[in-house]
N, C-alpha and C. Protein backbone atom coordinates (compact mmCIF):
# COMPACT_ATOMS: atom_id res chain seq x y z
N MET A 1 142.85 54.84 136.43
CA MET A 1 142.36 54.83 135.08
C MET A 1 140.90 55.25 135.09
N SER A 2 140.62 56.25 134.34
CA SER A 2 139.25 56.76 134.34
C SER A 2 138.44 56.11 133.22
N THR A 3 137.19 55.90 133.49
CA THR A 3 136.31 55.30 132.48
C THR A 3 135.81 56.39 131.56
N PRO A 4 135.64 56.07 130.28
CA PRO A 4 135.15 57.08 129.35
C PRO A 4 133.73 57.49 129.69
N HIS A 5 133.50 58.77 129.57
CA HIS A 5 132.17 59.32 129.88
C HIS A 5 131.28 59.22 128.65
N THR A 6 130.13 58.60 128.83
CA THR A 6 129.16 58.53 127.72
C THR A 6 128.06 59.54 128.00
N PRO A 7 127.83 60.43 127.06
CA PRO A 7 126.79 61.43 127.29
C PRO A 7 125.41 60.80 127.33
N GLU A 8 124.56 61.39 128.17
CA GLU A 8 123.19 60.91 128.26
C GLU A 8 122.43 61.31 127.00
N PRO A 9 121.51 60.47 126.56
CA PRO A 9 120.75 60.82 125.36
C PRO A 9 119.88 62.04 125.60
N ILE A 10 119.83 62.90 124.62
CA ILE A 10 119.01 64.10 124.72
C ILE A 10 117.64 63.79 124.16
N SER A 11 116.62 64.09 124.95
CA SER A 11 115.25 63.82 124.51
C SER A 11 114.82 64.87 123.50
N ASP A 12 114.19 64.39 122.43
CA ASP A 12 113.69 65.31 121.41
C ASP A 12 112.35 65.92 121.80
N SER A 13 111.67 65.30 122.76
CA SER A 13 110.35 65.81 123.12
C SER A 13 110.46 66.76 124.31
N PRO A 14 110.13 68.03 124.09
CA PRO A 14 110.18 68.98 125.20
C PRO A 14 109.05 68.73 126.19
N ALA A 15 109.13 69.38 127.34
CA ALA A 15 108.09 69.23 128.35
C ALA A 15 106.75 69.69 127.78
N PRO A 16 105.66 69.02 128.16
CA PRO A 16 104.37 69.40 127.61
C PRO A 16 103.99 70.82 128.01
N ALA A 17 103.36 71.51 127.07
CA ALA A 17 102.96 72.91 127.31
C ALA A 17 101.68 72.96 128.13
N SER A 18 101.53 74.03 128.88
CA SER A 18 100.30 74.27 129.63
C SER A 18 99.33 75.05 128.75
N PRO A 19 98.03 74.77 128.86
CA PRO A 19 97.07 75.49 128.02
C PRO A 19 96.84 76.91 128.52
N GLY A 20 96.41 77.76 127.63
CA GLY A 20 96.05 79.11 127.99
C GLY A 20 94.66 79.16 128.61
N VAL A 21 94.29 80.33 129.09
CA VAL A 21 93.01 80.50 129.76
C VAL A 21 91.85 80.22 128.81
N PHE A 22 91.93 80.71 127.56
CA PHE A 22 90.83 80.50 126.63
C PHE A 22 90.60 79.01 126.38
N ARG A 23 91.67 78.28 126.20
CA ARG A 23 91.55 76.84 125.91
C ARG A 23 90.94 76.11 127.11
N ARG A 24 91.37 76.48 128.30
CA ARG A 24 90.81 75.89 129.51
C ARG A 24 89.31 76.17 129.61
N LEU A 25 88.94 77.45 129.42
CA LEU A 25 87.55 77.84 129.55
C LEU A 25 86.68 77.19 128.47
N ALA A 26 87.20 77.09 127.25
CA ALA A 26 86.45 76.45 126.17
C ALA A 26 86.21 74.98 126.48
N SER A 27 87.23 74.31 126.97
CA SER A 27 87.08 72.90 127.34
C SER A 27 86.10 72.75 128.49
N GLY A 28 86.21 73.63 129.48
CA GLY A 28 85.31 73.58 130.62
C GLY A 28 83.86 73.88 130.23
N PHE A 29 83.66 74.82 129.29
CA PHE A 29 82.31 75.15 128.83
C PHE A 29 81.68 73.95 128.13
N TYR A 30 82.46 73.25 127.33
CA TYR A 30 81.99 72.05 126.64
C TYR A 30 81.54 71.01 127.67
N ASP A 31 82.36 70.78 128.70
CA ASP A 31 82.01 69.81 129.74
C ASP A 31 80.81 70.28 130.56
N LEU A 32 80.70 71.59 130.76
CA LEU A 32 79.57 72.15 131.51
C LEU A 32 78.26 71.85 130.79
N LEU A 33 78.24 71.98 129.47
CA LEU A 33 77.03 71.68 128.70
C LEU A 33 76.63 70.21 128.86
N ILE A 34 77.63 69.33 128.82
CA ILE A 34 77.34 67.91 129.00
C ILE A 34 76.82 67.64 130.41
N MET A 35 77.45 68.28 131.39
CA MET A 35 77.04 68.09 132.78
C MET A 35 75.62 68.61 133.01
N LEU A 36 75.28 69.75 132.40
CA LEU A 36 73.91 70.27 132.53
C LEU A 36 72.90 69.30 131.94
N ALA A 37 73.24 68.70 130.80
CA ALA A 37 72.34 67.72 130.19
C ALA A 37 72.15 66.51 131.11
N LEU A 38 73.24 66.04 131.74
CA LEU A 38 73.13 64.92 132.67
C LEU A 38 72.28 65.28 133.89
N CYS A 39 72.44 66.50 134.39
CA CYS A 39 71.64 66.95 135.54
C CYS A 39 70.16 67.06 135.17
N MET A 40 69.89 67.50 133.95
CA MET A 40 68.50 67.59 133.50
C MET A 40 67.88 66.19 133.39
N MET A 41 68.65 65.22 132.90
CA MET A 41 68.13 63.85 132.82
C MET A 41 67.89 63.28 134.22
N ALA A 42 68.80 63.58 135.15
CA ALA A 42 68.62 63.11 136.53
C ALA A 42 67.39 63.76 137.15
N THR A 43 67.14 65.02 136.83
CA THR A 43 65.96 65.71 137.36
C THR A 43 64.69 65.09 136.78
N LEU A 44 64.73 64.72 135.51
CA LEU A 44 63.56 64.06 134.90
C LEU A 44 63.23 62.74 135.59
N LEU A 45 64.26 62.08 136.13
CA LEU A 45 64.01 60.84 136.87
C LEU A 45 63.31 61.10 138.20
N VAL A 46 63.51 62.30 138.76
CA VAL A 46 62.89 62.65 140.04
C VAL A 46 61.45 63.13 139.84
N MET A 47 61.17 63.75 138.71
CA MET A 47 59.86 64.38 138.48
C MET A 47 58.66 63.43 138.63
N PRO A 48 58.73 62.17 138.22
CA PRO A 48 57.54 61.31 138.41
C PRO A 48 57.15 61.12 139.87
N PHE A 49 58.09 61.36 140.79
CA PHE A 49 57.78 61.22 142.21
C PHE A 49 57.15 62.50 142.78
N ALA A 50 57.02 63.52 141.94
CA ALA A 50 56.46 64.80 142.38
C ALA A 50 55.29 65.20 141.47
N PRO A 51 54.25 64.34 141.32
CA PRO A 51 53.17 64.69 140.40
C PRO A 51 52.36 65.88 140.92
N GLY A 52 52.13 66.83 140.04
CA GLY A 52 51.32 68.00 140.41
C GLY A 52 52.05 69.03 141.25
N TYR A 53 53.31 68.80 141.53
CA TYR A 53 54.10 69.74 142.34
C TYR A 53 55.18 70.38 141.48
N THR A 54 55.59 71.58 141.88
CA THR A 54 56.87 72.07 141.40
C THR A 54 57.91 71.39 142.29
N LEU A 55 59.17 71.42 141.90
CA LEU A 55 60.19 70.78 142.73
C LEU A 55 60.27 71.42 144.11
N GLU A 56 60.14 72.75 144.18
CA GLU A 56 60.23 73.42 145.49
C GLU A 56 59.07 73.01 146.40
N ALA A 57 57.86 72.90 145.83
CA ALA A 57 56.71 72.47 146.63
C ALA A 57 56.89 71.02 147.06
N PHE A 58 57.45 70.20 146.18
CA PHE A 58 57.70 68.80 146.51
C PHE A 58 58.69 68.70 147.66
N TYR A 59 59.75 69.50 147.59
CA TYR A 59 60.76 69.50 148.66
C TYR A 59 60.15 69.94 149.98
N ALA A 60 59.24 70.91 149.94
CA ALA A 60 58.62 71.42 151.16
C ALA A 60 57.79 70.33 151.85
N HIS A 61 57.20 69.43 151.06
CA HIS A 61 56.38 68.37 151.63
C HIS A 61 57.17 67.12 151.99
N HIS A 62 58.38 67.00 151.49
CA HIS A 62 59.20 65.82 151.72
C HIS A 62 60.58 66.26 152.22
N THR A 63 60.70 66.36 153.53
CA THR A 63 61.95 66.85 154.12
C THR A 63 63.08 65.87 153.85
N GLY A 64 64.23 66.41 153.56
CA GLY A 64 65.42 65.61 153.32
C GLY A 64 65.60 65.20 151.87
N VAL A 65 64.52 65.27 151.08
CA VAL A 65 64.61 64.85 149.68
C VAL A 65 65.46 65.83 148.88
N LYS A 66 65.33 67.13 149.19
CA LYS A 66 66.11 68.13 148.46
C LYS A 66 67.61 67.91 148.67
N LEU A 67 67.98 67.62 149.92
CA LEU A 67 69.40 67.37 150.21
C LEU A 67 69.88 66.11 149.48
N MET A 68 69.06 65.06 149.48
CA MET A 68 69.43 63.83 148.78
C MET A 68 69.57 64.09 147.28
N TYR A 69 68.68 64.91 146.74
CA TYR A 69 68.73 65.24 145.31
C TYR A 69 70.01 66.01 144.98
N GLN A 70 70.35 67.00 145.82
CA GLN A 70 71.55 67.80 145.58
C GLN A 70 72.83 66.97 145.74
N VAL A 71 72.86 66.11 146.75
CA VAL A 71 74.02 65.23 146.93
C VAL A 71 74.12 64.27 145.76
N GLY A 72 72.98 63.82 145.26
CA GLY A 72 72.97 62.94 144.09
C GLY A 72 73.55 63.62 142.87
N LEU A 73 73.21 64.91 142.66
CA LEU A 73 73.77 65.64 141.53
C LEU A 73 75.28 65.83 141.68
N LEU A 74 75.73 66.11 142.91
CA LEU A 74 77.17 66.24 143.15
C LEU A 74 77.89 64.91 142.89
N ALA A 75 77.27 63.80 143.32
CA ALA A 75 77.86 62.48 143.08
C ALA A 75 77.90 62.16 141.59
N LEU A 76 76.85 62.57 140.86
CA LEU A 76 76.83 62.38 139.41
C LEU A 76 77.97 63.16 138.76
N GLY A 77 78.19 64.39 139.20
CA GLY A 77 79.29 65.20 138.68
C GLY A 77 80.64 64.56 138.97
N TYR A 78 80.80 64.03 140.17
CA TYR A 78 82.06 63.36 140.51
C TYR A 78 82.27 62.13 139.64
N ALA A 79 81.22 61.33 139.46
CA ALA A 79 81.34 60.13 138.63
C ALA A 79 81.71 60.49 137.20
N PHE A 80 81.13 61.57 136.68
CA PHE A 80 81.42 62.00 135.32
C PHE A 80 82.87 62.44 135.18
N PHE A 81 83.27 63.42 136.00
CA PHE A 81 84.62 63.97 135.86
C PHE A 81 85.70 62.98 136.28
N ALA A 82 85.54 62.37 137.45
CA ALA A 82 86.58 61.46 137.94
C ALA A 82 86.70 60.23 137.06
N GLY A 83 85.60 59.78 136.50
CA GLY A 83 85.65 58.63 135.60
C GLY A 83 86.55 58.91 134.40
N PHE A 84 86.40 60.09 133.82
CA PHE A 84 87.25 60.45 132.68
C PHE A 84 88.68 60.75 133.14
N TRP A 85 88.83 61.47 134.25
CA TRP A 85 90.17 61.85 134.71
C TRP A 85 91.03 60.64 135.06
N THR A 86 90.41 59.61 135.66
CA THR A 86 91.19 58.45 136.08
C THR A 86 91.39 57.44 134.95
N HIS A 87 90.65 57.58 133.88
CA HIS A 87 90.78 56.66 132.73
C HIS A 87 91.16 57.46 131.49
N GLY A 88 92.41 57.81 131.39
CA GLY A 88 92.91 58.53 130.23
C GLY A 88 93.18 60.00 130.48
N GLY A 89 92.64 60.56 131.57
CA GLY A 89 92.93 61.95 131.91
C GLY A 89 92.24 62.98 131.05
N GLN A 90 91.20 62.59 130.31
CA GLN A 90 90.54 63.54 129.42
C GLN A 90 89.02 63.41 129.50
N THR A 91 88.35 64.51 129.78
CA THR A 91 86.91 64.56 129.62
C THR A 91 86.63 64.77 128.14
N LEU A 92 85.37 64.79 127.77
CA LEU A 92 85.03 65.00 126.35
C LEU A 92 85.47 66.38 125.88
N GLY A 93 85.31 67.39 126.75
CA GLY A 93 85.78 68.73 126.40
C GLY A 93 87.29 68.80 126.26
N MET A 94 88.00 68.09 127.11
CA MET A 94 89.46 68.06 127.02
C MET A 94 89.92 67.37 125.74
N ARG A 95 89.21 66.32 125.34
CA ARG A 95 89.57 65.64 124.08
C ARG A 95 89.39 66.58 122.90
N THR A 96 88.30 67.35 122.92
CA THR A 96 88.03 68.28 121.83
C THR A 96 89.13 69.32 121.71
N TRP A 97 89.66 69.78 122.84
CA TRP A 97 90.68 70.84 122.84
C TRP A 97 92.09 70.30 123.05
N SER A 98 92.28 68.99 122.88
CA SER A 98 93.60 68.33 122.98
C SER A 98 94.30 68.63 124.30
N LEU A 99 93.56 68.46 125.39
CA LEU A 99 94.12 68.66 126.73
C LEU A 99 94.09 67.34 127.49
N GLN A 100 94.99 67.22 128.44
CA GLN A 100 95.01 66.05 129.30
C GLN A 100 95.34 66.48 130.71
N LEU A 101 94.72 65.84 131.67
CA LEU A 101 94.96 66.11 133.08
C LEU A 101 95.87 65.04 133.64
N VAL A 102 96.96 65.46 134.27
CA VAL A 102 97.92 64.54 134.86
C VAL A 102 98.31 65.06 136.25
N ARG A 103 98.97 64.21 137.01
CA ARG A 103 99.54 64.65 138.28
C ARG A 103 100.78 65.49 137.97
N MET A 104 101.30 66.15 138.97
CA MET A 104 102.48 67.00 138.77
C MET A 104 103.68 66.22 138.23
N ASP A 105 103.77 64.93 138.59
CA ASP A 105 104.89 64.13 138.10
C ASP A 105 104.61 63.50 136.73
N GLY A 106 103.46 63.81 136.14
CA GLY A 106 103.13 63.32 134.81
C GLY A 106 102.36 62.01 134.78
N THR A 107 102.13 61.40 135.95
CA THR A 107 101.40 60.14 135.99
C THR A 107 99.89 60.39 136.03
N HIS A 108 99.12 59.32 135.85
CA HIS A 108 97.66 59.43 135.83
C HIS A 108 97.09 59.61 137.23
N LEU A 109 95.91 60.17 137.29
CA LEU A 109 95.24 60.42 138.56
C LEU A 109 94.58 59.16 139.09
N GLY A 110 94.50 59.07 140.41
CA GLY A 110 93.70 58.04 141.06
C GLY A 110 92.38 58.67 141.51
N TRP A 111 91.50 57.86 142.07
CA TRP A 111 90.17 58.34 142.46
C TRP A 111 90.25 59.37 143.59
N TYR A 112 91.20 59.18 144.53
CA TYR A 112 91.31 60.12 145.65
C TYR A 112 91.73 61.50 145.16
N ARG A 113 92.76 61.57 144.32
CA ARG A 113 93.22 62.86 143.80
C ARG A 113 92.15 63.49 142.91
N ALA A 114 91.40 62.65 142.19
CA ALA A 114 90.30 63.16 141.37
C ALA A 114 89.21 63.77 142.26
N LEU A 115 88.99 63.18 143.44
CA LEU A 115 88.01 63.73 144.37
C LEU A 115 88.46 65.10 144.87
N ILE A 116 89.74 65.22 145.22
CA ILE A 116 90.26 66.51 145.68
C ILE A 116 90.12 67.56 144.58
N ARG A 117 90.46 67.19 143.35
CA ARG A 117 90.34 68.13 142.24
C ARG A 117 88.88 68.51 142.01
N TYR A 118 87.98 67.54 142.06
CA TYR A 118 86.55 67.82 141.85
C TYR A 118 86.02 68.78 142.91
N LEU A 119 86.35 68.52 144.16
CA LEU A 119 85.87 69.39 145.24
C LEU A 119 86.43 70.81 145.13
N THR A 120 87.70 70.92 144.76
CA THR A 120 88.28 72.26 144.61
C THR A 120 87.79 72.94 143.34
N LEU A 121 87.39 72.15 142.35
CA LEU A 121 86.82 72.69 141.13
C LEU A 121 85.44 73.30 141.39
N LEU A 122 84.74 72.77 142.40
CA LEU A 122 83.41 73.26 142.73
C LEU A 122 83.43 74.62 143.42
N ILE A 123 84.55 74.99 144.05
CA ILE A 123 84.61 76.21 144.86
C ILE A 123 84.18 77.45 144.08
N PRO A 124 84.74 77.74 142.89
CA PRO A 124 84.29 78.94 142.17
C PRO A 124 82.82 78.90 141.78
N TRP A 125 82.33 77.70 141.44
CA TRP A 125 80.93 77.57 141.05
C TRP A 125 79.99 77.79 142.23
N LEU A 126 80.37 77.28 143.40
CA LEU A 126 79.57 77.51 144.60
C LEU A 126 79.61 78.99 145.00
N LEU A 127 80.77 79.61 144.83
CA LEU A 127 80.88 81.06 145.09
C LEU A 127 80.00 81.85 144.12
N LEU A 128 79.94 81.41 142.87
CA LEU A 128 79.09 82.08 141.89
C LEU A 128 77.62 82.00 142.30
N LEU A 129 77.18 80.83 142.77
CA LEU A 129 75.81 80.68 143.26
C LEU A 129 75.56 81.55 144.48
N LEU A 130 76.54 81.62 145.37
CA LEU A 130 76.41 82.46 146.56
C LEU A 130 76.30 83.93 146.19
N GLY A 131 77.12 84.37 145.23
CA GLY A 131 77.05 85.76 144.77
C GLY A 131 75.70 86.08 144.16
N CYS A 132 75.16 85.15 143.37
CA CYS A 132 73.83 85.34 142.78
C CYS A 132 72.76 85.43 143.87
N GLU A 133 72.90 84.60 144.90
CA GLU A 133 71.95 84.63 146.02
C GLU A 133 71.98 85.99 146.73
N PHE A 134 73.17 86.51 146.96
CA PHE A 134 73.29 87.83 147.58
C PHE A 134 72.66 88.90 146.69
N LEU A 135 72.89 88.80 145.40
CA LEU A 135 72.37 89.80 144.46
C LEU A 135 70.84 89.74 144.38
N ILE A 136 70.29 88.54 144.36
CA ILE A 136 68.83 88.38 144.31
C ILE A 136 68.19 88.91 145.57
N ASN A 137 68.79 88.63 146.72
CA ASN A 137 68.21 89.05 148.00
C ASN A 137 68.50 90.51 148.34
N ALA A 138 69.32 91.17 147.57
CA ALA A 138 69.68 92.57 147.88
C ALA A 138 68.48 93.49 147.78
N GLY A 139 67.55 93.20 146.84
CA GLY A 139 66.42 94.10 146.61
C GLY A 139 65.52 94.28 147.81
N GLY A 140 65.26 93.22 148.54
CA GLY A 140 64.31 93.32 149.65
C GLY A 140 64.96 93.55 151.01
N GLN A 141 66.21 93.83 151.07
CA GLN A 141 66.91 93.99 152.34
C GLN A 141 67.13 95.47 152.68
N PRO A 142 67.09 95.81 153.98
CA PRO A 142 67.35 97.21 154.35
C PRO A 142 68.79 97.62 154.07
N HIS A 143 69.71 96.69 154.10
CA HIS A 143 71.12 96.98 153.82
C HIS A 143 71.46 96.51 152.40
N ARG A 144 70.71 97.03 151.44
CA ARG A 144 70.85 96.61 150.05
C ARG A 144 72.27 96.81 149.52
N ASN A 145 72.88 97.94 149.86
CA ASN A 145 74.23 98.22 149.35
C ASN A 145 75.26 97.22 149.87
N LEU A 146 75.09 96.79 151.11
CA LEU A 146 76.01 95.79 151.68
C LEU A 146 75.88 94.47 150.93
N TYR A 147 74.66 94.06 150.64
CA TYR A 147 74.44 92.82 149.89
C TYR A 147 75.03 92.94 148.48
N THR A 148 74.81 94.08 147.84
CA THR A 148 75.31 94.28 146.49
C THR A 148 76.84 94.28 146.47
N MET A 149 77.46 94.97 147.42
CA MET A 149 78.92 95.01 147.47
C MET A 149 79.51 93.62 147.77
N THR A 150 78.82 92.86 148.63
CA THR A 150 79.27 91.50 148.92
C THR A 150 79.20 90.64 147.66
N ALA A 151 78.09 90.78 146.92
CA ALA A 151 77.95 90.01 145.67
C ALA A 151 79.04 90.39 144.68
N ILE A 152 79.34 91.68 144.54
CA ILE A 152 80.39 92.12 143.62
C ILE A 152 81.75 91.55 144.04
N GLY A 153 82.04 91.57 145.34
CA GLY A 153 83.29 91.00 145.84
C GLY A 153 83.40 89.51 145.53
N ILE A 154 82.29 88.78 145.69
CA ILE A 154 82.29 87.35 145.40
C ILE A 154 82.50 87.11 143.90
N PHE A 155 81.84 87.92 143.06
CA PHE A 155 81.99 87.77 141.61
C PHE A 155 83.44 88.05 141.17
N MET A 156 84.08 89.02 141.81
CA MET A 156 85.48 89.31 141.48
C MET A 156 86.37 88.12 141.85
N LEU A 157 86.06 87.48 142.96
CA LEU A 157 86.82 86.30 143.38
C LEU A 157 86.62 85.15 142.39
N VAL A 158 85.40 84.99 141.88
CA VAL A 158 85.12 83.94 140.89
C VAL A 158 85.88 84.21 139.59
N ILE A 159 85.87 85.47 139.15
CA ILE A 159 86.61 85.83 137.93
C ILE A 159 88.10 85.57 138.13
N ALA A 160 88.61 85.92 139.31
CA ALA A 160 90.03 85.68 139.61
C ALA A 160 90.35 84.19 139.54
N ALA A 161 89.43 83.34 140.00
CA ALA A 161 89.67 81.90 139.97
C ALA A 161 89.77 81.39 138.53
N PHE A 162 88.94 81.95 137.64
CA PHE A 162 88.94 81.47 136.26
C PHE A 162 90.12 82.00 135.44
N VAL A 163 90.59 83.20 135.74
CA VAL A 163 91.70 83.76 134.94
C VAL A 163 93.06 83.59 135.61
N TRP A 164 93.09 82.99 136.78
CA TRP A 164 94.33 82.81 137.52
C TRP A 164 95.45 82.15 136.71
N PRO A 165 95.17 81.10 135.91
CA PRO A 165 96.26 80.46 135.16
C PRO A 165 97.02 81.42 134.24
N ALA A 166 96.40 82.50 133.81
CA ALA A 166 97.09 83.46 132.94
C ALA A 166 98.20 84.18 133.68
N PHE A 167 98.09 84.30 135.00
CA PHE A 167 99.07 85.04 135.80
C PHE A 167 99.96 84.14 136.64
N ASP A 168 99.60 82.87 136.74
CA ASP A 168 100.40 81.93 137.51
C ASP A 168 101.69 81.63 136.75
N PRO A 169 102.86 81.59 137.43
CA PRO A 169 104.12 81.35 136.72
C PRO A 169 104.16 80.00 135.99
N HIS A 170 103.42 79.01 136.49
CA HIS A 170 103.41 77.69 135.85
C HIS A 170 102.08 77.42 135.14
N HIS A 171 101.26 78.45 134.99
CA HIS A 171 99.95 78.36 134.33
C HIS A 171 99.04 77.32 135.00
N LEU A 172 99.08 77.28 136.32
CA LEU A 172 98.23 76.36 137.08
C LEU A 172 97.04 77.10 137.64
N ALA A 173 95.88 76.45 137.61
CA ALA A 173 94.68 77.00 138.24
C ALA A 173 94.74 76.71 139.74
N TRP A 174 93.84 77.34 140.49
CA TRP A 174 93.81 77.09 141.94
C TRP A 174 93.58 75.62 142.22
N ASN A 175 92.63 75.01 141.47
CA ASN A 175 92.35 73.60 141.74
C ASN A 175 93.52 72.70 141.33
N ASP A 176 94.34 73.14 140.38
CA ASP A 176 95.56 72.39 140.06
C ASP A 176 96.50 72.39 141.26
N ARG A 177 96.72 73.56 141.82
CA ARG A 177 97.65 73.67 142.95
C ARG A 177 97.15 72.90 144.16
N LEU A 178 95.84 72.99 144.43
CA LEU A 178 95.28 72.34 145.61
C LEU A 178 95.22 70.82 145.47
N SER A 179 95.12 70.33 144.24
CA SER A 179 94.99 68.88 144.05
C SER A 179 96.29 68.22 143.55
N GLY A 180 97.32 69.02 143.28
CA GLY A 180 98.58 68.45 142.79
C GLY A 180 98.48 67.91 141.38
N THR A 181 97.68 68.60 140.56
CA THR A 181 97.49 68.17 139.17
C THR A 181 97.85 69.32 138.24
N ARG A 182 97.90 69.01 136.94
CA ARG A 182 98.09 70.06 135.94
C ARG A 182 97.51 69.61 134.63
N MET A 183 97.12 70.59 133.83
CA MET A 183 96.62 70.30 132.49
C MET A 183 97.74 70.52 131.50
N VAL A 184 97.84 69.64 130.54
CA VAL A 184 98.86 69.77 129.50
C VAL A 184 98.20 69.71 128.13
N VAL A 185 98.85 70.35 127.18
CA VAL A 185 98.38 70.31 125.79
C VAL A 185 99.03 69.12 125.12
N LEU A 186 98.22 68.28 124.52
CA LEU A 186 98.75 67.12 123.80
C LEU A 186 99.25 67.55 122.45
N ARG A 187 100.41 67.07 122.09
CA ARG A 187 100.96 67.40 120.79
C ARG A 187 100.28 66.55 119.73
N GLU A 188 99.95 67.18 118.62
CA GLU A 188 99.31 66.44 117.54
C GLU A 188 100.37 65.69 116.76
N THR A 189 100.10 64.43 116.50
CA THR A 189 101.05 63.64 115.72
C THR A 189 100.75 63.86 114.24
N ARG A 190 101.76 64.26 113.53
CA ARG A 190 101.58 64.51 112.09
C ARG A 190 101.99 63.29 111.29
N LYS A 191 101.14 62.94 110.35
CA LYS A 191 101.45 61.80 109.49
C LYS A 191 102.42 62.27 108.40
N ILE A 192 103.46 61.50 108.22
CA ILE A 192 104.46 61.83 107.19
C ILE A 192 104.07 61.10 105.91
N LYS A 193 103.90 61.86 104.87
CA LYS A 193 103.54 61.25 103.58
C LYS A 193 104.77 60.56 103.01
N GLN A 194 104.54 59.36 102.56
CA GLN A 194 105.63 58.64 101.91
C GLN A 194 105.60 58.93 100.42
N THR A 195 106.74 59.30 99.89
CA THR A 195 106.80 59.61 98.47
C THR A 195 107.52 58.52 97.71
């Protein structure tokens, strides 16, 4: 005797959509402005210890301080991003653009996965700084063309990192793939008017 088959309930909510490149970049630009403001405030805290100096002159007289300052800024960035990612999955820029960061299985991030995402998120920005360094130093070098071509190659790699989600089959950025995370678009809840 066979038991009657009961069909499984069909979910009305489809899988969350992935954001497009423009939405990602707009959200990231918003967060970048906030992060720059935080870095400027952190720099203002360092300035009283360098009276009468520019920061570069201060660093030249105090070895190791520049490294501590840079590590401090990186730690500030991690605290900012990971704090939001692990508590709700949204930075301020993501909230503005209705985005949320989740793990591949849809669960929230922990601090370790947030660290991996933060470090992989830094790669294009560090490459951008490296490319600028090559371009700035190209003028005074005997192999100027080599420096310029290297800078152009690095800039192309940075652009590829930012537009990669447009060509990825699952619309994942490099840092999404490396950290096992993904960004999703939150659906807006519409209020139904009662008549």
